[in-house]
Amino acid sequence: MTALHQHLQAKLEAAFAPIYLQLLNESDQHGTASDDSHYKLVLVSASFVGQRLLQRHRAVNKLLQEELAGPVHALALHLYSPDEWPLQQVPDSPACRGGSKLDN
C-alpha cells in the first residue's frame, strides 16, 4: 500500500467512521500502475443515512478535493448506508476515457 493510499484511507476513516471500507488502487488497469491515479471506493457508513447519492458523492469529493485536484485522476464511488449495503458484488469501475496508456 502506497503512502497516498494510506493517506486517502485514513481521511475516509476519520471523516465517515465506516462500517466497511474498501479502497482499491486500480491504476494498473489504466496503464498507470506507478502513479496511484485511479481508485475504486466502496464505503458503508451510518453518516449516509437519509442522504441522497449526490449528497454522498459531494461529501466524499469535498473531503478529497485536494487529492482529486492533484494525484488522483479517477475515483469510482460506491457509497451505501448500512441498510443499503448489498453484501454482494459491487459493480466494476468504468473504463478510463482519457489518459490511458494501454491504447498506445
Protein backbone atom coordinates (compact mmCIF):
# COMPACT_ATOMS: atom_id res chain seq x y z
CA MET A 1 0.00 0.00 0.00
CA THR A 2 1.44 3.36 -1.02
CA ALA A 3 1.64 6.47 1.13
CA LEU A 4 -1.14 8.11 -0.93
CA HIS A 5 -3.35 5.06 -0.50
CA GLN A 6 -2.79 5.10 3.27
CA HIS A 7 -3.46 8.86 3.37
CA LEU A 8 -6.77 8.51 1.48
CA GLN A 9 -7.90 5.62 3.65
CA ALA A 10 -7.06 7.47 6.88
CA LYS A 11 -9.01 10.56 5.77
CA LEU A 12 -12.03 8.47 4.85
CA GLU A 13 -11.93 6.53 8.12
CA ALA A 14 -11.68 9.72 10.19
CA ALA A 15 -14.49 11.51 8.35
CA PHE A 16 -17.02 8.71 7.89
CA ALA A 17 -16.35 6.11 10.65
CA PRO A 18 -17.11 3.37 8.14
CA ILE A 19 -18.72 0.05 8.87
CA TYR A 20 -16.96 -1.21 5.75
CA LEU A 21 -14.29 0.47 3.66
CA GLN A 22 -12.53 -0.93 0.63
CA LEU A 23 -10.20 1.34 -1.30
CA LEU A 24 -8.70 -0.31 -4.35
CA ASN A 25 -5.89 1.15 -6.41
CA GLU A 26 -6.93 0.37 -9.99
CA SER A 27 -4.17 2.36 -11.67
CA ASP A 28 -2.68 -0.77 -13.20
CA GLN A 29 -5.90 -1.28 -15.19
CA HIS A 30 -5.32 2.07 -16.86
CA GLY A 31 -1.67 1.73 -17.77
CA THR A 32 -0.60 3.95 -14.88
CA ALA A 33 0.35 1.47 -12.15
CA SER A 34 3.16 3.61 -10.79
CA ASP A 35 1.26 6.85 -10.17
CA ASP A 36 -1.69 5.98 -7.86
CA SER A 37 -4.11 7.87 -10.09
CA HIS A 38 -7.18 5.58 -10.30
CA TYR A 39 -9.12 4.32 -7.28
CA LYS A 40 -12.34 2.50 -6.51
CA LEU A 41 -14.02 3.18 -3.18
CA VAL A 42 -16.67 1.06 -1.50
CA LEU A 43 -17.78 2.80 1.68
CA VAL A 44 -20.59 1.86 4.07
CA SER A 45 -21.29 4.46 6.73
CA ALA A 46 -24.11 5.46 9.05
CA SER A 47 -23.38 9.06 8.05
CA PHE A 48 -25.03 8.29 4.69
CA VAL A 49 -28.41 7.50 6.27
CA GLY A 50 -31.03 9.87 4.86
CA GLN A 51 -28.66 11.25 2.21
CA ARG A 52 -29.23 11.03 -1.49
CA LEU A 53 -26.49 9.64 -3.70
CA LEU A 54 -25.49 13.11 -4.90
CA GLN A 55 -25.05 14.32 -1.30
CA ARG A 56 -22.84 11.34 -0.53
CA HIS A 57 -20.69 11.91 -3.60
CA ARG A 58 -20.34 15.58 -2.75
CA ALA A 59 -19.26 14.76 0.81
CA VAL A 60 -16.51 12.39 -0.38
CA ASN A 61 -15.42 14.72 -3.18
CA LYS A 62 -15.22 17.65 -0.75
CA LEU A 63 -13.16 15.63 1.71
CA LEU A 64 -10.74 14.55 -1.04
CA GLN A 65 -10.80 17.74 -3.12
CA GLU A 66 -7.07 18.37 -2.75
CA GLU A 67 -6.18 14.84 -3.83
CA LEU A 68 -8.68 14.94 -6.72
CA ALA A 69 -7.10 18.18 -7.92
CA GLY A 70 -3.67 16.58 -7.84
CA PRO A 71 -2.55 12.98 -7.89
CA VAL A 72 -5.94 11.23 -8.14
CA HIS A 73 -7.32 11.25 -11.69
CA ALA A 74 -10.34 8.98 -11.19
CA LEU A 75 -12.34 7.81 -8.19
CA ALA A 76 -15.21 5.36 -8.68
CA LEU A 77 -17.59 5.77 -5.74
CA HIS A 78 -19.89 3.09 -4.32
CA LEU A 79 -21.41 4.63 -1.19
CA TYR A 80 -24.01 2.91 0.99
CA SER A 81 -25.84 3.34 4.27
CA PRO A 82 -25.79 0.20 6.46
CA ASP A 83 -29.32 -0.78 5.37
CA GLU A 84 -28.38 -0.47 1.69
CA TRP A 85 -25.16 -2.42 1.91
CA PRO A 86 -25.83 -5.18 -0.55
CA LEU A 87 -23.26 -7.72 0.61
CA GLN A 88 -22.98 -8.72 -3.00
CA GLN A 89 -20.73 -7.85 -5.90
CA VAL A 90 -20.06 -4.15 -6.32
CA PRO A 91 -20.04 -3.02 -9.96
CA ASP A 92 -16.75 -2.84 -11.82
CA SER A 93 -15.27 0.58 -12.30
CA PRO A 94 -15.87 2.14 -15.70
CA ALA A 95 -13.10 2.12 -18.27
CA CYS A 96 -10.87 5.17 -18.23
CA ARG A 97 -11.83 7.55 -21.03
CA GLY A 98 -8.69 9.62 -21.02
CA GLY A 99 -5.05 9.41 -20.21
CA SER A 100 -4.84 5.65 -20.55
CA LYS A 101 -1.52 4.36 -21.77
CA LEU A 102 -2.94 0.93 -22.60
CA ASP A 103 -4.17 2.02 -26.02
CA ASN A 104 -0.77 3.20 -27.23
